[in-house]
C-alpha atoms as a PDB file:
ATOM      1  CA  MET A   1     122.733  78.599 108.725  1.00  0.00           C
ATOM      2  CA  PRO A   2     122.868  82.271 107.677  1.00  0.00           C
ATOM      3  CA  LYS A   3     121.799  84.851 110.196  1.00  0.00           C
ATOM      4  CA  GLN A   4     118.272  86.085 109.560  1.00  0.00           C
ATOM      5  CA  ASN A   5     117.884  89.815 108.950  1.00  0.00           C
ATOM      6  CA  THR A   6     115.613  91.312 111.597  1.00  0.00           C
ATOM      7  CA  GLN A   7     115.340  94.726 109.955  1.00  0.00           C
ATOM      8  CA  PRO A   8     112.298  95.425 107.789  1.00  0.00           C
ATOM      9  CA  PRO A   9     113.034  95.936 104.107  1.00  0.00           C
ATOM     10  CA  PRO A  10     113.167  99.533 102.929  1.00  0.00           C
ATOM     11  CA  LEU A  11     109.849 100.837 101.667  1.00  0.00           C
ATOM     12  CA  GLU A  12     111.159 101.183  98.117  1.00  0.00           C
ATOM     13  CA  ASP A  13     112.236  97.516  98.093  1.00  0.00           C
ATOM     14  CA  ILE A  14     108.707  96.479  99.049  1.00  0.00           C
ATOM     15  CA  ALA A  15     107.290  98.552  96.175  1.00  0.00           C
ATOM     16  CA  ASN A  16     109.791  97.078  93.703  1.00  0.00           C
ATOM     17  CA  TYR A  17     109.005  93.545  94.876  1.00  0.00           C
ATOM     18  CA  HIS A  18     105.293  94.257  94.453  1.00  0.00           C
ATOM     19  CA  LYS A  19     105.842  95.502  90.876  1.00  0.00           C
ATOM     20  CA  ASP A  20     108.020  92.472  90.043  1.00  0.00           C
ATOM     21  CA  VAL A  21     105.429  90.010  91.310  1.00  0.00           C
ATOM     22  CA  GLU A  22     102.606  91.744  89.466  1.00  0.00           C
ATOM     23  CA  LYS A  23     104.603  91.763  86.212  1.00  0.00           C
ATOM     24  CA  SER A  24     105.460  88.095  86.739  1.00  0.00           C
ATOM     25  CA  LEU A  25     101.808  87.217  87.248  1.00  0.00           C
ATOM     26  CA  ARG A  26     100.785  89.084  84.113  1.00  0.00           C
ATOM     27  CA  LEU A  27     103.425  87.212  82.104  1.00  0.00           C
ATOM     28  CA  TYR A  28     102.460  83.855  83.629  1.00  0.00           C
ATOM     29  CA  PHE A  29      98.810  84.376  82.734  1.00  0.00           C
ATOM     30  CA  SER A  30      99.628  85.469  79.175  1.00  0.00           C
ATOM     31  CA  SER A  31     100.137  83.446  76.018  1.00  0.00           C
ATOM     32  CA  SER A  32     103.833  84.449  76.210  1.00  0.00           C
ATOM     33  CA  ASN A  33     104.190  81.897  79.018  1.00  0.00           C
ATOM     34  CA  PRO A  34     105.678  78.732  77.413  1.00  0.00           C
ATOM     35  CA  ASP A  35     103.461  76.611  79.702  1.00  0.00           C
ATOM     36  CA  TYR A  36     100.311  78.638  79.049  1.00  0.00           C
ATOM     37  CA  SER A  37      98.573  76.024  76.868  1.00  0.00           C
ATOM     38  CA  ALA A  38      99.211  73.209  79.339  1.00  0.00           C
ATOM     39  CA  ARG A  39      98.387  75.255  82.429  1.00  0.00           C
ATOM     40  CA  PHE A  40      95.177  76.806  81.106  1.00  0.00           C
ATOM     41  CA  ALA A  41      94.040  74.110  78.650  1.00  0.00           C
ATOM     42  CA  THR A  42      90.614  73.724  80.248  1.00  0.00           C
ATOM     43  CA  TYR A  43      90.045  77.432  80.944  1.00  0.00           C
ATOM     44  CA  LEU A  44      87.906  79.916  79.102  1.00  0.00           C
ATOM     45  CA  LEU A  45      89.624  83.260  78.460  1.00  0.00           C
ATOM     46  CA  THR A  46      87.358  84.897  81.047  1.00  0.00           C
ATOM     47  CA  GLU A  47      88.427  82.302  83.629  1.00  0.00           C
ATOM     48  CA  VAL A  48      92.094  83.048  82.974  1.00  0.00           C
ATOM     49  CA  ALA A  49      91.388  86.762  83.352  1.00  0.00           C
ATOM     50  CA  ASP A  50      89.446  86.182  86.587  1.00  0.00           C
ATOM     51  CA  GLU A  51      92.189  84.046  88.070  1.00  0.00           C
ATOM     52  CA  LEU A  52      94.795  86.683  87.166  1.00  0.00           C
ATOM     53  CA  LYS A  53      92.648  89.369  88.770  1.00  0.00           C
ATOM     54  CA  ASN A  54      92.338  87.289  91.956  1.00  0.00           C
ATOM     55  CA  ARG A  55      96.094  86.648  92.089  1.00  0.00           C
ATOM     56  CA  ILE A  56      96.848  90.351  91.637  1.00  0.00           C
ATOM     57  CA  ASN A  57      94.325  91.272  94.356  1.00  0.00           C
ATOM     58  CA  GLU A  58      95.937  88.784  96.740  1.00  0.00           C
ATOM     59  CA  THR A  59      99.397  90.133  95.900  1.00  0.00           C
ATOM     60  CA  ASP A  60      98.114  93.633  96.608  1.00  0.00           C
ATOM     61  CA  ILE A  61      96.905  92.512 100.040  1.00  0.00           C
ATOM     62  CA  ARG A  62     100.152  90.723 100.883  1.00  0.00           C
ATOM     63  CA  SER A  63     102.302  93.672  99.843  1.00  0.00           C
ATOM     64  CA  SER A  64     100.003  95.970 101.812  1.00  0.00           C
ATOM     65  CA  LEU A  65     100.489  93.842 104.925  1.00  0.00           C
ATOM     66  CA  THR A  66     104.251  94.177 104.600  1.00  0.00           C
ATOM     67  CA  VAL A  67     104.019  97.965 104.396  1.00  0.00           C
ATOM     68  CA  MET A  68     101.585  98.108 107.312  1.00  0.00           C
ATOM     69  CA  ALA A  69     103.961  95.997 109.404  1.00  0.00           C
ATOM     70  CA  LEU A  70     106.789  98.391 108.545  1.00  0.00           C
ATOM     71  CA  ILE A  71     104.710 101.395 109.638  1.00  0.00           C
ATOM     72  CA  GLU A  72     103.702  99.669 112.871  1.00  0.00           C
ATOM     73  CA  ALA A  73     107.346  98.846 113.582  1.00  0.00           C
ATOM     74  CA  ALA A  74     108.357 102.472 112.965  1.00  0.00           C
ATOM     75  CA  PHE A  75     105.809 103.706 115.520  1.00  0.00           C
ATOM     76  CA  TYR A  76     106.794 101.112 118.135  1.00  0.00           C
ATOM     77  CA  LEU A  77     110.491 101.868 117.633  1.00  0.00           C
ATOM     78  CA  ASP A  78     109.727 105.564 118.056  1.00  0.00           C
ATOM     79  CA  TYR A  79     107.747 104.841 121.225  1.00  0.00           C
ATOM     80  CA  ASN A  80     110.622 102.808 122.691  1.00  0.00           C
ATOM     81  CA  GLU A  81     113.233 105.420 121.775  1.00  0.00           C
ATOM     82  CA  ARG A  82     111.191 108.235 123.282  1.00  0.00           C
ATOM     83  CA  CYS A  83     110.779 106.250 126.489  1.00  0.00           C
ATOM     84  CA  LYS A  84     114.493 105.385 126.631  1.00  0.00           C
ATOM     85  CA  LYS A  85     115.870 108.842 125.811  1.00  0.00           C
ATOM     86  CA  LYS A  86     113.596 110.567 128.328  1.00  0.00           C
ATOM     87  CA  GLY A  87     113.093 113.677 126.223  1.00  0.00           C
ATOM     88  CA  ALA A  88     111.237 116.668 127.627  1.00  0.00           C
ATOM     89  CA  ASP A  89     108.839 117.043 124.671  1.00  0.00           C
ATOM     90  CA  ASN A  90     105.169 116.399 125.398  1.00  0.00           C
ATOM     91  CA  LEU A  91     104.982 113.228 123.320  1.00  0.00           C
ATOM     92  CA  SER A  92     107.962 111.627 125.072  1.00  0.00           C
ATOM     93  CA  VAL A  93     106.540 112.535 128.478  1.00  0.00           C
ATOM     94  CA  GLU A  94     103.169 111.049 127.457  1.00  0.00           C
ATOM     95  CA  PHE A  95     104.819 107.854 126.233  1.00  0.00           C
ATOM     96  CA  ARG A  96     106.755 107.424 129.475  1.00  0.00           C
ATOM     97  CA  LYS A  97     103.488 107.727 131.418  1.00  0.00           C
ATOM     98  CA  ILE A  98     101.991 105.021 129.224  1.00  0.00           C
ATOM     99  CA  PHE A  99     105.110 102.907 129.654  1.00  0.00           C
ATOM    100  CA  ARG A 100     104.823 103.057 133.447  1.00  0.00           C
ATOM    101  CA  LYS A 101     101.058 102.524 133.448  1.00  0.00           C
ATOM    102  CA  ARG A 102     101.102  99.583 131.033  1.00  0.00           C
ATOM    103  CA  SER A 103     104.468  98.037 131.997  1.00  0.00           C
ATOM    104  CA  GLY A 104     105.903  98.956 128.611  1.00  0.00           C
ATOM    105  CA  LYS A 105     103.090  97.301 126.626  1.00  0.00           C
ATOM    106  CA  ALA A 106     101.679 100.219 124.664  1.00  0.00           C
ATOM    107  CA  ARG A 107      98.721  99.671 122.342  1.00  0.00           C
ATOM    108  CA  LEU A 108      99.257 101.010 118.857  1.00  0.00           C
ATOM    109  CA  ASP A 109      95.914 102.764 118.382  1.00  0.00           C
ATOM    110  CA  LYS A 110      94.820 103.825 121.859  1.00  0.00           C
ATOM    111  CA  ASP A 111      98.258 104.716 123.220  1.00  0.00           C
ATOM    112  CA  ILE A 112     100.796 105.449 120.485  1.00  0.00           C
ATOM    113  CA  LEU A 113      98.632 106.892 117.708  1.00  0.00           C
ATOM    114  CA  GLU A 114      96.502 108.744 120.255  1.00  0.00           C
ATOM    115  CA  GLY A 115      99.659 110.292 121.725  1.00  0.00           C
ATOM    116  CA  TRP A 116     100.728 111.400 118.280  1.00  0.00           C
ATOM    117  CA  ARG A 117      97.250 112.791 117.560  1.00  0.00           C
ATOM    118  CA  LYS A 118      97.388 114.941 120.711  1.00  0.00           C
ATOM    119  CA  TYR A 119     100.861 116.342 120.149  1.00  0.00           C
ATOM    120  CA  ILE A 120     101.465 116.483 116.410  1.00  0.00           C
ATOM    121  CA  ASP A 121     100.974 119.586 114.297  1.00  0.00           C
ATOM    122  CA  PRO A 122      97.193 119.775 113.677  1.00  0.00           C
ATOM    123  CA  SER A 123      97.734 119.796 109.902  1.00  0.00           C
ATOM    124  CA  MET A 124      99.223 116.307 110.219  1.00  0.00           C
ATOM    125  CA  GLY A 125      96.304 114.949 112.264  1.00  0.00           C
ATOM    126  CA  LYS A 126      94.499 113.701 109.165  1.00  0.00           C
ATOM    127  CA  TYR A 127      97.274 111.165 108.685  1.00  0.00           C
ATOM    128  CA  ILE A 128      96.603 109.700 112.126  1.00  0.00           C
ATOM    129  CA  SER A 129      92.971 109.167 111.061  1.00  0.00           C
ATOM    130  CA  GLN A 130      94.146 107.535 107.843  1.00  0.00           C
ATOM    131  CA  LEU A 131      96.551 105.299 109.779  1.00  0.00           C
ATOM    132  CA  ARG A 132      93.736 104.212 112.075  1.00  0.00           C
ATOM    133  CA  GLY A 133      91.587 103.320 109.083  1.00  0.00           C
ATOM    134  CA  MET A 134      94.491 101.483 107.499  1.00  0.00           C
ATOM    135  CA  PHE A 135      95.061  99.422 110.648  1.00  0.00           C
ATOM    136  CA  LYS A 136      91.348  98.543 110.717  1.00  0.00           C
ATOM    137  CA  TYR A 137      91.837  97.265 107.179  1.00  0.00           C
ATOM    138  CA  ARG A 138      94.789  95.186 108.423  1.00  0.00           C
ATOM    139  CA  HIS A 139      92.568  93.839 111.195  1.00  0.00           C
ATOM    140  CA  TRP A 140      90.030  92.793 108.550  1.00  0.00           C
ATOM    141  CA  ILE A 141      92.754  90.942 106.612  1.00  0.00           C
ATOM    142  CA  ALA A 142      94.268  89.295 109.674  1.00  0.00           C
ATOM    143  CA  HIS A 143      90.957  88.026 110.988  1.00  0.00           C
ATOM    144  CA  GLY A 144      89.748  86.173 107.949  1.00  0.00           C
ATOM    145  CA  ARG A 145      88.032  88.825 105.819  1.00  0.00           C
ATOM    146  CA  TYR A 146      84.642  87.485 106.816  1.00  0.00           C
ATOM    147  CA  TRP A 147      82.954  90.874 107.074  1.00  0.00           C
ATOM    148  CA  GLN A 148      82.824  93.844 104.746  1.00  0.00           C
ATOM    149  CA  PRO A 149      85.543  96.383 105.631  1.00  0.00           C
ATOM    150  CA  ASP A 150      84.466  99.975 106.307  1.00  0.00           C
ATOM    151  CA  ASN A 151      86.991 101.465 103.952  1.00  0.00           C
ATOM    152  CA  LYS A 152      88.953  99.778 101.209  1.00  0.00           C
ATOM    153  CA  PHE A 153      92.627 100.384 101.033  1.00  0.00           C
ATOM    154  CA  ASP A 154      94.945  99.036  98.391  1.00  0.00           C
ATOM    155  CA  PHE A 155      98.692  98.762  98.045  1.00  0.00           C
ATOM    156  CA  GLN A 156      99.001 102.123  96.296  1.00  0.00           C
ATOM    157  CA  SER A 157      97.076 104.077  98.953  1.00  0.00           C
ATOM    158  CA  ILE A 158      98.903 102.322 101.793  1.00  0.00           C
ATOM    159  CA  TYR A 159     102.283 102.873 100.156  1.00  0.00           C
ATOM    160  CA  LEU A 160     101.578 106.585  99.627  1.00  0.00           C
ATOM    161  CA  LEU A 161     100.409 106.959 103.232  1.00  0.00           C
ATOM    162  CA  ALA A 162     103.578 105.199 104.424  1.00  0.00           C
ATOM    163  CA  VAL A 163     105.801 107.495 102.369  1.00  0.00           C
ATOM    164  CA  THR A 164     103.996 110.561 103.722  1.00  0.00           C
ATOM    165  CA  VAL A 165     104.139 109.432 107.343  1.00  0.00           C
ATOM    166  CA  LEU A 166     107.718 108.165 107.274  1.00  0.00           C
ATOM    167  CA  THR A 167     108.872 111.345 105.546  1.00  0.00           C
ATOM    168  CA  ASN A 168     106.947 113.925 107.575  1.00  0.00           C
ATOM    169  CA  PHE A 169     106.588 112.537 111.102  1.00  0.00           C
ATOM    170  CA  PRO A 170     109.587 113.144 113.368  1.00  0.00           C
ATOM    171  CA  LEU A 171     109.914 109.461 114.250  1.00  0.00           C
ATOM    172  CA  MET A 172     112.885 108.329 116.305  1.00  0.00           C
ATOM    173  CA  GLY A 173     114.587 104.982 115.954  1.00  0.00           C
END
């Protein structure tokens, strides 16, 4: 059995996969699909369009989850590296306090993101707020989508936030 890769895919690979799946769905739901007549024989054109829209929305959510997991992993890796390397910067000192207090089990929002909010350049603080909103959106997805989310994210907005954060935050690990 081949060894499973434990590293998250690069952000660009996730975006390319998302584009490929969306293009594939559009082709599948078009008359260019050789099986179109058999697959959609009983459908009205509006029903085909609705089903395509639903499939694309679900793909958007799934791709978004992958990007959100990558961002979460980046922040946890940074937290662990800062605790291990015992740097003298304020954020590393804060993280080591949390590590001791919580036996290494930091919470993403209340510990890690809050630490970043306190010690990052104030001009970057808006991204912490956006990350918090994004993770609330993830919570909505993960817990069944049975309530109306406060703010609607989509793959594009999550991807752009990920690029900004991963490019501009001095994450370790």
